[in-house]
Amino acid sequence: MRILAIDTALDLCSACVADGPDALIAHESLVLVRGHAEALLPLVERVMARVEGGFESLDRVAVTVGPGSYTGLRVGLSAARAVGLATGAPVVGVTTLSALLAPQLALGGAGLDAAAIDARHGAVYLQAMSADDGIVVPPTHLSLDEAADRLAPGPITLVGSGAGPLAAVLRARGIAVAVSGAGGPDIAWVASLGLVADPAQALPRPLYLRGADARPQDHARLARR
Protein backbone atom coordinates (compact mmCIF):
# COMPACT_ATOMS: atom_id res chain seq x y z
CA MET A 1 0.00 0.00 0.00
CA ARG A 2 1.41 3.39 -1.00
CA ILE A 3 0.74 6.24 1.44
CA LEU A 4 1.35 9.98 1.49
CA ALA A 5 1.88 11.29 5.04
CA ILE A 6 1.61 14.97 5.99
CA ASP A 7 2.50 16.70 9.27
CA THR A 8 2.01 20.38 10.08
CA ALA A 9 0.82 20.05 13.68
CA LEU A 10 3.82 21.64 15.41
CA ASP A 11 7.03 23.37 14.26
CA LEU A 12 7.65 21.02 11.34
CA CYS A 13 6.24 21.02 7.83
CA SER A 14 6.79 17.48 6.57
CA ALA A 15 5.62 15.02 3.95
CA CYS A 16 6.70 11.58 2.82
CA VAL A 17 5.61 8.74 0.58
CA ALA A 18 6.09 5.11 1.62
CA ASP A 19 5.17 1.72 0.20
CA GLY A 20 5.24 0.11 3.64
CA PRO A 21 6.51 0.60 7.21
CA ASP A 22 10.15 0.26 6.12
CA ALA A 23 9.84 1.35 2.49
CA LEU A 24 10.26 5.13 2.43
CA ILE A 25 10.35 6.42 -1.15
CA ALA A 26 10.65 10.19 -0.75
CA HIS A 27 10.45 12.68 2.08
CA GLU A 28 11.12 16.30 3.00
CA SER A 29 10.86 18.23 6.24
CA LEU A 30 11.23 21.92 7.11
CA VAL A 31 11.46 23.51 10.55
CA LEU A 32 8.87 26.31 10.64
CA VAL A 33 7.44 28.33 13.48
CA ARG A 34 4.88 29.76 11.05
CA GLY A 35 4.23 29.80 7.32
CA HIS A 36 2.95 26.24 6.94
CA ALA A 37 0.20 27.40 4.59
CA GLU A 38 2.72 28.81 2.11
CA ALA A 39 5.25 25.98 2.43
CA LEU A 40 3.17 22.79 2.49
CA LEU A 41 1.79 22.44 -1.03
CA PRO A 42 5.11 23.20 -2.79
CA LEU A 43 6.78 20.73 -0.41
CA VAL A 44 4.23 18.02 -1.20
CA GLU A 45 4.67 18.66 -4.92
CA ARG A 46 8.45 18.26 -4.60
CA VAL A 47 8.03 14.99 -2.73
CA MET A 48 5.48 13.63 -5.22
CA ALA A 49 7.73 14.61 -8.16
CA ARG A 50 10.17 11.95 -6.91
CA VAL A 51 7.47 9.25 -6.83
CA GLU A 52 6.84 7.10 -9.89
CA GLY A 53 3.18 7.34 -10.85
CA GLY A 54 2.66 10.60 -8.96
CA PHE A 55 -0.52 11.32 -7.06
CA GLU A 56 -2.51 8.71 -8.96
CA SER A 57 -0.35 5.95 -7.45
CA LEU A 58 -1.47 6.75 -3.88
CA ASP A 59 -3.62 4.26 -1.99
CA ARG A 60 -4.00 6.28 1.21
CA VAL A 61 -3.24 9.66 2.78
CA ALA A 62 -2.34 10.17 6.46
CA VAL A 63 -2.22 13.46 8.35
CA THR A 64 -1.48 14.49 11.92
CA VAL A 65 -4.66 15.71 13.62
CA GLY A 66 -3.27 17.16 16.84
CA PRO A 67 -2.86 18.25 19.44
CA GLY A 68 -0.93 21.11 17.95
CA SER A 69 -1.17 24.54 16.38
CA TYR A 70 -4.71 25.48 15.35
CA THR A 71 -3.53 27.00 12.08
CA GLY A 72 -1.02 24.25 11.35
CA LEU A 73 -3.60 21.52 11.86
CA ARG A 74 -6.06 23.22 9.52
CA VAL A 75 -3.42 23.57 6.82
CA GLY A 76 -2.43 19.90 6.97
CA LEU A 77 -5.98 18.61 7.15
CA SER A 78 -7.11 20.76 4.23
CA ALA A 79 -4.23 19.56 2.07
CA ALA A 80 -4.75 15.91 2.97
CA ARG A 81 -8.48 16.08 2.26
CA ALA A 82 -7.82 17.81 -1.07
CA VAL A 83 -5.39 15.08 -2.15
CA GLY A 84 -7.85 12.42 -1.02
CA LEU A 85 -10.69 14.04 -2.94
CA ALA A 86 -8.61 14.40 -6.09
CA THR A 87 -7.23 10.85 -6.06
CA GLY A 88 -10.05 8.92 -4.40
CA ALA A 89 -7.62 7.69 -1.73
CA PRO A 90 -9.00 7.39 1.83
CA VAL A 91 -7.62 9.89 4.36
CA VAL A 92 -6.79 8.84 7.93
CA GLY A 93 -5.84 10.87 10.97
CA VAL A 94 -2.85 10.14 13.21
CA THR A 95 -2.56 11.88 16.58
CA THR A 96 0.61 13.84 17.16
CA LEU A 97 1.14 12.18 20.54
CA SER A 98 0.93 8.69 19.03
CA ALA A 99 3.43 9.63 16.31
CA LEU A 100 5.84 10.91 18.97
CA LEU A 101 5.45 7.78 21.10
CA ALA A 102 5.67 5.18 18.33
CA PRO A 103 9.47 5.07 17.85
CA GLN A 104 10.07 4.93 21.60
CA LEU A 105 7.56 2.11 22.07
CA ALA A 106 9.18 0.22 19.20
CA LEU A 107 12.38 0.00 21.24
CA GLY A 108 10.51 -2.17 23.74
CA GLY A 109 12.22 -0.80 26.84
CA ALA A 110 11.01 -1.17 30.40
CA GLY A 111 9.21 1.58 32.26
CA LEU A 112 6.77 4.21 31.09
CA ASP A 113 7.02 6.09 27.79
CA ALA A 114 5.32 9.48 27.64
CA ALA A 115 4.88 12.12 24.94
CA ALA A 116 4.52 15.68 26.19
CA ILE A 117 3.78 18.63 23.89
CA ASP A 118 4.24 22.15 25.26
CA ALA A 119 0.77 23.67 25.66
CA ARG A 120 2.15 26.92 27.15
CA HIS A 121 1.11 28.55 30.42
CA GLY A 122 2.79 25.78 32.44
CA ALA A 123 0.83 22.95 30.82
CA VAL A 124 1.38 20.05 28.43
CA TYR A 125 -0.59 17.76 26.19
CA LEU A 126 0.28 14.33 27.55
CA GLN A 127 -0.07 10.68 26.62
CA ALA A 128 1.73 7.81 28.36
CA MET A 129 1.99 4.13 27.51
CA SER A 130 3.89 1.05 28.60
CA ALA A 131 4.55 -2.27 26.91
CA ASP A 132 2.85 -4.13 29.77
CA ASP A 133 -0.14 -1.91 30.55
CA GLY A 134 -0.91 -0.20 27.23
CA ILE A 135 -2.34 3.31 27.59
CA VAL A 136 -1.62 4.56 31.11
CA VAL A 137 -2.54 8.22 30.50
CA PRO A 138 -4.85 8.93 27.53
CA PRO A 139 -4.36 12.14 25.51
CA THR A 140 -4.98 14.87 28.09
CA HIS A 141 -4.29 18.57 28.73
CA LEU A 142 -2.65 18.90 32.16
CA SER A 143 -0.60 21.32 34.19
CA LEU A 144 3.01 20.27 34.71
CA ASP A 145 2.28 19.30 38.33
CA GLU A 146 -0.80 17.30 37.33
CA ALA A 147 1.19 15.54 34.62
CA ALA A 148 3.91 14.64 37.12
CA ASP A 149 1.24 13.23 39.46
CA ARG A 150 -0.08 11.00 36.67
CA LEU A 151 3.39 9.70 35.73
CA ALA A 152 4.73 8.90 39.21
CA PRO A 153 6.51 6.83 40.46
CA GLY A 154 8.56 6.25 37.26
CA PRO A 155 10.96 5.46 35.68
CA ILE A 156 9.84 7.49 32.66
CA THR A 157 11.18 8.25 29.19
CA LEU A 158 9.85 11.52 27.77
CA VAL A 159 9.65 12.77 24.20
CA GLY A 160 8.21 15.94 22.67
CA SER A 161 8.47 19.71 23.04
CA GLY A 162 7.16 19.59 26.60
CA ALA A 163 9.65 16.94 27.71
CA GLY A 164 12.20 19.36 29.16
CA PRO A 165 9.89 21.34 31.49
CA LEU A 166 8.07 18.18 32.61
CA ALA A 167 11.37 16.36 33.24
CA ALA A 168 12.45 19.23 35.50
CA VAL A 169 9.31 18.86 37.63
CA LEU A 170 9.72 15.09 37.83
CA ARG A 171 13.39 15.30 38.81
CA ALA A 172 12.55 17.83 41.54
CA ARG A 173 10.34 15.10 43.02
CA GLY A 174 13.11 12.54 42.85
CA ILE A 175 11.53 10.58 39.98
CA ALA A 176 13.86 8.89 37.48
CA VAL A 177 13.31 10.37 34.03
CA ALA A 178 15.14 10.40 30.70
CA VAL A 179 14.48 12.72 27.76
CA SER A 180 14.72 10.91 24.42
CA GLY A 181 13.87 13.82 22.14
CA ALA A 182 12.24 17.25 22.19
CA GLY A 183 11.36 17.73 18.53
CA GLY A 184 8.28 16.98 16.45
CA PRO A 185 7.17 13.60 15.12
CA ASP A 186 9.19 11.68 12.54
CA ILE A 187 7.12 11.79 9.33
CA ALA A 188 8.05 8.17 8.57
CA TRP A 189 6.26 7.12 11.76
CA VAL A 190 3.19 9.14 10.76
CA ALA A 191 3.17 7.08 7.56
CA SER A 192 3.65 3.80 9.46
CA LEU A 193 0.75 4.53 11.81
CA GLY A 194 -1.38 5.68 8.88
CA LEU A 195 -0.82 2.38 7.11
CA VAL A 196 -2.37 0.38 9.95
CA ALA A 197 -5.10 2.88 10.87
CA ASP A 198 -8.76 2.01 10.30
CA PRO A 199 -10.27 4.68 8.00
CA ALA A 200 -13.63 4.18 9.72
CA GLN A 201 -12.16 5.06 13.12
CA ALA A 202 -9.11 7.27 12.48
CA LEU A 203 -11.00 10.21 11.03
CA PRO A 204 -9.17 13.22 9.54
CA ARG A 205 -10.51 15.82 11.91
CA PRO A 206 -8.67 17.97 14.48
CA LEU A 207 -8.08 16.69 18.01
CA TYR A 208 -8.50 19.54 20.48
CA LEU A 209 -7.73 18.79 24.14
CA ARG A 210 -8.57 22.24 25.50
CA GLY A 211 -10.74 25.19 24.62
CA ALA A 212 -9.67 28.18 22.58
CA ASP A 213 -7.57 30.92 24.24
CA ALA A 214 -9.84 33.65 22.89
CA ARG A 215 -12.81 34.63 25.03
CA PRO A 216 -15.71 37.04 24.35
CA GLN A 217 -15.14 40.52 25.79
CA ASP A 218 -18.46 40.91 27.55
CA HIS A 219 -17.48 44.21 29.13
CA ALA A 220 -16.86 45.71 25.68
CA ARG A 221 -19.77 44.19 23.85
CA LEU A 222 -22.26 46.58 22.26
CA ALA A 223 -25.87 46.05 23.23
CA ARG A 224 -28.01 44.46 20.55
CA ARG A 225 -30.93 46.43 19.17
C-alpha atoms as a PDB file:
ATOM      1  CA  MET A   1       0.000   0.000   0.000  1.00  0.00           C
ATOM      2  CA  ARG A   2       1.411   3.393  -1.001  1.00  0.00           C
ATOM      3  CA  ILE A   3       0.744   6.237   1.440  1.00  0.00           C
ATOM      4  CA  LEU A   4       1.354   9.976   1.493  1.00  0.00           C
ATOM      5  CA  ALA A   5       1.877  11.295   5.041  1.00  0.00           C
ATOM      6  CA  ILE A   6       1.608  14.972   5.992  1.00  0.00           C
ATOM      7  CA  ASP A   7       2.503  16.703   9.273  1.00  0.00           C
ATOM      8  CA  THR A   8       2.009  20.382  10.078  1.00  0.00           C
ATOM      9  CA  ALA A   9       0.817  20.048  13.683  1.00  0.00           C
ATOM     10  CA  LEU A  10       3.819  21.644  15.408  1.00  0.00           C
ATOM     11  CA  ASP A  11       7.028  23.368  14.257  1.00  0.00           C
ATOM     12  CA  LEU A  12       7.655  21.021  11.338  1.00  0.00           C
ATOM     13  CA  CYS A  13       6.239  21.020   7.827  1.00  0.00           C
ATOM     14  CA  SER A  14       6.789  17.477   6.574  1.00  0.00           C
ATOM     15  CA  ALA A  15       5.618  15.015   3.947  1.00  0.00           C
ATOM     16  CA  CYS A  16       6.700  11.576   2.820  1.00  0.00           C
ATOM     17  CA  VAL A  17       5.606   8.735   0.575  1.00  0.00           C
ATOM     18  CA  ALA A  18       6.095   5.113   1.622  1.00  0.00           C
ATOM     19  CA  ASP A  19       5.167   1.723   0.198  1.00  0.00           C
ATOM     20  CA  GLY A  20       5.239   0.110   3.635  1.00  0.00           C
ATOM     21  CA  PRO A  21       6.509   0.597   7.210  1.00  0.00           C
ATOM     22  CA  ASP A  22      10.150   0.258   6.117  1.00  0.00           C
ATOM     23  CA  ALA A  23       9.838   1.351   2.494  1.00  0.00           C
ATOM     24  CA  LEU A  24      10.257   5.128   2.428  1.00  0.00           C
ATOM     25  CA  ILE A  25      10.354   6.416  -1.152  1.00  0.00           C
ATOM     26  CA  ALA A  26      10.649  10.192  -0.754  1.00  0.00           C
ATOM     27  CA  HIS A  27      10.449  12.675   2.079  1.00  0.00           C
ATOM     28  CA  GLU A  28      11.124  16.299   3.004  1.00  0.00           C
ATOM     29  CA  SER A  29      10.856  18.230   6.244  1.00  0.00           C
ATOM     30  CA  LEU A  30      11.233  21.924   7.109  1.00  0.00           C
ATOM     31  CA  VAL A  31      11.464  23.510  10.554  1.00  0.00           C
ATOM     32  CA  LEU A  32       8.868  26.305  10.639  1.00  0.00           C
ATOM     33  CA  VAL A  33       7.437  28.334  13.477  1.00  0.00           C
ATOM     34  CA  ARG A  34       4.877  29.761  11.053  1.00  0.00           C
ATOM     35  CA  GLY A  35       4.230  29.804   7.319  1.00  0.00           C
ATOM     36  CA  HIS A  36       2.952  26.236   6.943  1.00  0.00           C
ATOM     37  CA  ALA A  37       0.202  27.398   4.586  1.00  0.00           C
ATOM     38  CA  GLU A  38       2.718  28.814   2.109  1.00  0.00           C
ATOM     39  CA  ALA A  39       5.249  25.978   2.434  1.00  0.00           C
ATOM     40  CA  LEU A  40       3.173  22.793   2.491  1.00  0.00           C
ATOM     41  CA  LEU A  41       1.790  22.441  -1.034  1.00  0.00           C
ATOM     42  CA  PRO A  42       5.115  23.200  -2.794  1.00  0.00           C
ATOM     43  CA  LEU A  43       6.780  20.726  -0.406  1.00  0.00           C
ATOM     44  CA  VAL A  44       4.225  18.021  -1.203  1.00  0.00           C
ATOM     45  CA  GLU A  45       4.666  18.661  -4.925  1.00  0.00           C
ATOM     46  CA  ARG A  46       8.449  18.264  -4.600  1.00  0.00           C
ATOM     47  CA  VAL A  47       8.026  14.986  -2.734  1.00  0.00           C
ATOM     48  CA  MET A  48       5.478  13.626  -5.222  1.00  0.00           C
ATOM     49  CA  ALA A  49       7.727  14.607  -8.158  1.00  0.00           C
ATOM     50  CA  ARG A  50      10.172  11.949  -6.914  1.00  0.00           C
ATOM     51  CA  VAL A  51       7.471   9.247  -6.831  1.00  0.00           C
ATOM     52  CA  GLU A  52       6.840   7.103  -9.885  1.00  0.00           C
ATOM     53  CA  GLY A  53       3.181   7.344 -10.854  1.00  0.00           C
ATOM     54  CA  GLY A  54       2.662  10.601  -8.957  1.00  0.00           C
ATOM     55  CA  PHE A  55      -0.525  11.325  -7.060  1.00  0.00           C
ATOM     56  CA  GLU A  56      -2.515   8.705  -8.957  1.00  0.00           C
ATOM     57  CA  SER A  57      -0.346   5.949  -7.446  1.00  0.00           C
ATOM     58  CA  LEU A  58      -1.469   6.755  -3.880  1.00  0.00           C
ATOM     59  CA  ASP A  59      -3.622   4.258  -1.991  1.00  0.00           C
ATOM     60  CA  ARG A  60      -4.000   6.276   1.205  1.00  0.00           C
ATOM     61  CA  VAL A  61      -3.239   9.662   2.779  1.00  0.00           C
ATOM     62  CA  ALA A  62      -2.343  10.170   6.460  1.00  0.00           C
ATOM     63  CA  VAL A  63      -2.224  13.463   8.349  1.00  0.00           C
ATOM     64  CA  THR A  64      -1.477  14.490  11.923  1.00  0.00           C
ATOM     65  CA  VAL A  65      -4.656  15.711  13.618  1.00  0.00           C
ATOM     66  CA  GLY A  66      -3.268  17.156  16.843  1.00  0.00           C
ATOM     67  CA  PRO A  67      -2.864  18.254  19.444  1.00  0.00           C
ATOM     68  CA  GLY A  68      -0.930  21.109  17.949  1.00  0.00           C
ATOM     69  CA  SER A  69      -1.171  24.536  16.383  1.00  0.00           C
ATOM     70  CA  TYR A  70      -4.709  25.483  15.353  1.00  0.00           C
ATOM     71  CA  THR A  71      -3.532  27.003  12.076  1.00  0.00           C
ATOM     72  CA  GLY A  72      -1.022  24.252  11.351  1.00  0.00           C
ATOM     73  CA  LEU A  73      -3.601  21.517  11.860  1.00  0.00           C
ATOM     74  CA  ARG A  74      -6.065  23.218   9.524  1.00  0.00           C
ATOM     75  CA  VAL A  75      -3.415  23.573   6.821  1.00  0.00           C
ATOM     76  CA  GLY A  76      -2.426  19.899   6.967  1.00  0.00           C
ATOM     77  CA  LEU A  77      -5.976  18.611   7.147  1.00  0.00           C
ATOM     78  CA  SER A  78      -7.112  20.760   4.234  1.00  0.00           C
ATOM     79  CA  ALA A  79      -4.230  19.562   2.067  1.00  0.00           C
ATOM     80  CA  ALA A  80      -4.751  15.906   2.973  1.00  0.00           C
ATOM     81  CA  ARG A  81      -8.477  16.076   2.260  1.00  0.00           C
ATOM     82  CA  ALA A  82      -7.818  17.806  -1.071  1.00  0.00           C
ATOM     83  CA  VAL A  83      -5.391  15.080  -2.151  1.00  0.00           C
ATOM     84  CA  GLY A  84      -7.847  12.418  -1.020  1.00  0.00           C
ATOM     85  CA  LEU A  85     -10.687  14.040  -2.936  1.00  0.00           C
ATOM     86  CA  ALA A  86      -8.615  14.396  -6.094  1.00  0.00           C
ATOM     87  CA  THR A  87      -7.228  10.847  -6.057  1.00  0.00           C
ATOM     88  CA  GLY A  88     -10.055   8.917  -4.402  1.00  0.00           C
ATOM     89  CA  ALA A  89      -7.622   7.686  -1.728  1.00  0.00           C
ATOM     90  CA  PRO A  90      -9.004   7.390   1.835  1.00  0.00           C
ATOM     91  CA  VAL A  91      -7.621   9.893   4.356  1.00  0.00           C
ATOM     92  CA  VAL A  92      -6.785   8.840   7.928  1.00  0.00           C
ATOM     93  CA  GLY A  93      -5.838  10.873  10.969  1.00  0.00           C
ATOM     94  CA  VAL A  94      -2.854  10.141  13.209  1.00  0.00           C
ATOM     95  CA  THR A  95      -2.560  11.876  16.576  1.00  0.00           C
ATOM     96  CA  THR A  96       0.612  13.845  17.163  1.00  0.00           C
ATOM     97  CA  LEU A  97       1.141  12.180  20.542  1.00  0.00           C
ATOM     98  CA  SER A  98       0.934   8.690  19.026  1.00  0.00           C
ATOM     99  CA  ALA A  99       3.430   9.626  16.310  1.00  0.00           C
ATOM    100  CA  LEU A 100       5.840  10.906  18.974  1.00  0.00           C
ATOM    101  CA  LEU A 101       5.449   7.784  21.098  1.00  0.00           C
ATOM    102  CA  ALA A 102       5.674   5.184  18.331  1.00  0.00           C
ATOM    103  CA  PRO A 103       9.475   5.072  17.852  1.00  0.00           C
ATOM    104  CA  GLN A 104      10.070   4.926  21.605  1.00  0.00           C
ATOM    105  CA  LEU A 105       7.556   2.106  22.074  1.00  0.00           C
ATOM    106  CA  ALA A 106       9.180   0.220  19.195  1.00  0.00           C
ATOM    107  CA  LEU A 107      12.378   0.004  21.241  1.00  0.00           C
ATOM    108  CA  GLY A 108      10.514  -2.174  23.740  1.00  0.00           C
ATOM    109  CA  GLY A 109      12.221  -0.800  26.836  1.00  0.00           C
ATOM    110  CA  ALA A 110      11.011  -1.165  30.397  1.00  0.00           C
ATOM    111  CA  GLY A 111       9.211   1.582  32.262  1.00  0.00           C
ATOM    112  CA  LEU A 112       6.765   4.211  31.094  1.00  0.00           C
ATOM    113  CA  ASP A 113       7.016   6.085  27.794  1.00  0.00           C
ATOM    114  CA  ALA A 114       5.324   9.475  27.639  1.00  0.00           C
ATOM    115  CA  ALA A 115       4.878  12.117  24.943  1.00  0.00           C
ATOM    116  CA  ALA A 116       4.517  15.684  26.185  1.00  0.00           C
ATOM    117  CA  ILE A 117       3.782  18.628  23.893  1.00  0.00           C
ATOM    118  CA  ASP A 118       4.245  22.149  25.259  1.00  0.00           C
ATOM    119  CA  ALA A 119       0.775  23.675  25.655  1.00  0.00           C
ATOM    120  CA  ARG A 120       2.149  26.921  27.151  1.00  0.00           C
ATOM    121  CA  HIS A 121       1.113  28.550  30.423  1.00  0.00           C
ATOM    122  CA  GLY A 122       2.795  25.778  32.443  1.00  0.00           C
ATOM    123  CA  ALA A 123       0.826  22.950  30.824  1.00  0.00           C
ATOM    124  CA  VAL A 124       1.378  20.053  28.425  1.00  0.00           C
ATOM    125  CA  TYR A 125      -0.587  17.756  26.187  1.00  0.00           C
ATOM    126  CA  LEU A 126       0.283  14.329  27.552  1.00  0.00           C
ATOM    127  CA  GLN A 127      -0.067  10.677  26.616  1.00  0.00           C
ATOM    128  CA  ALA A 128       1.732   7.808  28.364  1.00  0.00           C
ATOM    129  CA  MET A 129       1.985   4.130  27.512  1.00  0.00           C
ATOM    130  CA  SER A 130       3.892   1.045  28.601  1.00  0.00           C
ATOM    131  CA  ALA A 131       4.545  -2.271  26.906  1.00  0.00           C
ATOM    132  CA  ASP A 132       2.854  -4.127  29.774  1.00  0.00           C
ATOM    133  CA  ASP A 133      -0.142  -1.909  30.549  1.00  0.00           C
ATOM    134  CA  GLY A 134      -0.908  -0.200  27.227  1.00  0.00           C
ATOM    135  CA  ILE A 135      -2.340   3.308  27.589  1.00  0.00           C
ATOM    136  CA  VAL A 136      -1.619   4.563  31.105  1.00  0.00           C
ATOM    137  CA  VAL A 137      -2.540   8.216  30.495  1.00  0.00           C
ATOM    138  CA  PRO A 138      -4.848   8.927  27.526  1.00  0.00           C
ATOM    139  CA  PRO A 139      -4.356  12.141  25.515  1.00  0.00           C
ATOM    140  CA  THR A 140      -4.984  14.874  28.088  1.00  0.00           C
ATOM    141  CA  HIS A 141      -4.286  18.567  28.728  1.00  0.00           C
ATOM    142  CA  LEU A 142      -2.652  18.898  32.162  1.00  0.00           C
ATOM    143  CA  SER A 143      -0.597  21.322  34.190  1.00  0.00           C
ATOM    144  CA  LEU A 144       3.006  20.267  34.715  1.00  0.00           C
ATOM    145  CA  ASP A 145       2.282  19.299  38.332  1.00  0.00           C
ATOM    146  CA  GLU A 146      -0.801  17.302  37.330  1.00  0.00           C
ATOM    147  CA  ALA A 147       1.187  15.542  34.615  1.00  0.00           C
ATOM    148  CA  ALA A 148       3.906  14.642  37.115  1.00  0.00           C
ATOM    149  CA  ASP A 149       1.244  13.231  39.456  1.00  0.00           C
ATOM    150  CA  ARG A 150      -0.081  11.000  36.672  1.00  0.00           C
ATOM    151  CA  LEU A 151       3.387   9.704  35.727  1.00  0.00           C
ATOM    152  CA  ALA A 152       4.729   8.902  39.206  1.00  0.00           C
ATOM    153  CA  PRO A 153       6.513   6.829  40.456  1.00  0.00           C
ATOM    154  CA  GLY A 154       8.558   6.248  37.264  1.00  0.00           C
ATOM    155  CA  PRO A 155      10.959   5.464  35.685  1.00  0.00           C
ATOM    156  CA  ILE A 156       9.836   7.486  32.661  1.00  0.00           C
ATOM    157  CA  THR A 157      11.176   8.245  29.193  1.00  0.00           C
ATOM    158  CA  LEU A 158       9.853  11.520  27.775  1.00  0.00           C
ATOM    159  CA  VAL A 159       9.648  12.774  24.195  1.00  0.00           C
ATOM    160  CA  GLY A 160       8.210  15.935  22.674  1.00  0.00           C
ATOM    161  CA  SER A 161       8.475  19.708  23.039  1.00  0.00           C
ATOM    162  CA  GLY A 162       7.157  19.594  26.604  1.00  0.00           C
ATOM    163  CA  ALA A 163       9.649  16.941  27.713  1.00  0.00           C
ATOM    164  CA  GLY A 164      12.203  19.361  29.156  1.00  0.00           C
ATOM    165  CA  PRO A 165       9.890  21.335  31.491  1.00  0.00           C
ATOM    166  CA  LEU A 166       8.071  18.179  32.606  1.00  0.00           C
ATOM    167  CA  ALA A 167      11.368  16.358  33.243  1.00  0.00           C
ATOM    168  CA  ALA A 168      12.453  19.230  35.498  1.00  0.00           C
ATOM    169  CA  VAL A 169       9.312  18.862  37.630  1.00  0.00           C
ATOM    170  CA  LEU A 170       9.721  15.092  37.828  1.00  0.00           C
ATOM    171  CA  ARG A 171      13.391  15.301  38.813  1.00  0.00           C
ATOM    172  CA  ALA A 172      12.549  17.832  41.536  1.00  0.00           C
ATOM    173  CA  ARG A 173      10.344  15.105  43.019  1.00  0.00           C
ATOM    174  CA  GLY A 174      13.114  12.537  42.848  1.00  0.00           C
ATOM    175  CA  ILE A 175      11.526  10.578  39.983  1.00  0.00           C
ATOM    176  CA  ALA A 176      13.860   8.885  37.479  1.00  0.00           C
ATOM    177  CA  VAL A 177      13.305  10.367  34.030  1.00  0.00           C
ATOM    178  CA  ALA A 178      15.144  10.401  30.699  1.00  0.00           C
ATOM    179  CA  VAL A 179      14.480  12.725  27.756  1.00  0.00           C
ATOM    180  CA  SER A 180      14.722  10.913  24.422  1.00  0.00           C
ATOM    181  CA  GLY A 181      13.868  13.822  22.143  1.00  0.00           C
ATOM    182  CA  ALA A 182      12.244  17.247  22.189  1.00  0.00           C
ATOM    183  CA  GLY A 183      11.355  17.725  18.527  1.00  0.00           C
ATOM    184  CA  GLY A 184       8.283  16.978  16.450  1.00  0.00           C
ATOM    185  CA  PRO A 185       7.167  13.596  15.119  1.00  0.00           C
ATOM    186  CA  ASP A 186       9.186  11.685  12.540  1.00  0.00           C
ATOM    187  CA  ILE A 187       7.123  11.792   9.332  1.00  0.00           C
ATOM    188  CA  ALA A 188       8.048   8.172   8.573  1.00  0.00           C
ATOM    189  CA  TRP A 189       6.260   7.117  11.757  1.00  0.00           C
ATOM    190  CA  VAL A 190       3.194   9.143  10.760  1.00  0.00           C
ATOM    191  CA  ALA A 191       3.174   7.084   7.559  1.00  0.00           C
ATOM    192  CA  SER A 192       3.650   3.799   9.462  1.00  0.00           C
ATOM    193  CA  LEU A 193       0.752   4.530  11.807  1.00  0.00           C
ATOM    194  CA  GLY A 194      -1.377   5.684   8.882  1.00  0.00           C
ATOM    195  CA  LEU A 195      -0.817   2.382   7.108  1.00  0.00           C
ATOM    196  CA  VAL A 196      -2.369   0.383   9.955  1.00  0.00           C
ATOM    197  CA  ALA A 197      -5.104   2.885  10.869  1.00  0.00           C
ATOM    198  CA  ASP A 198      -8.756   2.009  10.299  1.00  0.00           C
ATOM    199  CA  PRO A 199     -10.270   4.678   8.004  1.00  0.00           C
ATOM    200  CA  ALA A 200     -13.631   4.183   9.723  1.00  0.00           C
ATOM    201  CA  GLN A 201     -12.158   5.065  13.124  1.00  0.00           C
ATOM    202  CA  ALA A 202      -9.106   7.272  12.484  1.00  0.00           C
ATOM    203  CA  LEU A 203     -10.996  10.210  11.027  1.00  0.00           C
ATOM    204  CA  PRO A 204      -9.166  13.221   9.543  1.00  0.00           C
ATOM    205  CA  ARG A 205     -10.514  15.822  11.914  1.00  0.00           C
ATOM    206  CA  PRO A 206      -8.672  17.973  14.476  1.00  0.00           C
ATOM    207  CA  LEU A 207      -8.079  16.689  18.007  1.00  0.00           C
ATOM    208  CA  TYR A 208      -8.497  19.544  20.484  1.00  0.00           C
ATOM    209  CA  LEU A 209      -7.727  18.785  24.140  1.00  0.00           C
ATOM    210  CA  ARG A 210      -8.566  22.237  25.502  1.00  0.00           C
ATOM    211  CA  GLY A 211     -10.744  25.193  24.621  1.00  0.00           C
ATOM    212  CA  ALA A 212      -9.667  28.181  22.584  1.00  0.00           C
ATOM    213  CA  ASP A 213      -7.569  30.918  24.236  1.00  0.00           C
ATOM    214  CA  ALA A 214      -9.841  33.649  22.889  1.00  0.00           C
ATOM    215  CA  ARG A 215     -12.813  34.634  25.030  1.00  0.00           C
ATOM    216  CA  PRO A 216     -15.710  37.038  24.350  1.00  0.00           C
ATOM    217  CA  GLN A 217     -15.142  40.516  25.788  1.00  0.00           C
ATOM    218  CA  ASP A 218     -18.456  40.906  27.549  1.00  0.00           C
ATOM    219  CA  HIS A 219     -17.483  44.215  29.128  1.00  0.00           C
ATOM    220  CA  ALA A 220     -16.855  45.707  25.679  1.00  0.00           C
ATOM    221  CA  ARG A 221     -19.766  44.191  23.851  1.00  0.00           C
ATOM    222  CA  LEU A 222     -22.260  46.575  22.261  1.00  0.00           C
ATOM    223  CA  ALA A 223     -25.866  46.050  23.230  1.00  0.00           C
ATOM    224  CA  ARG A 224     -28.011  44.464  20.554  1.00  0.00           C
ATOM    225  CA  ARG A 225     -30.928  46.428  19.172  1.00  0.00           C
END
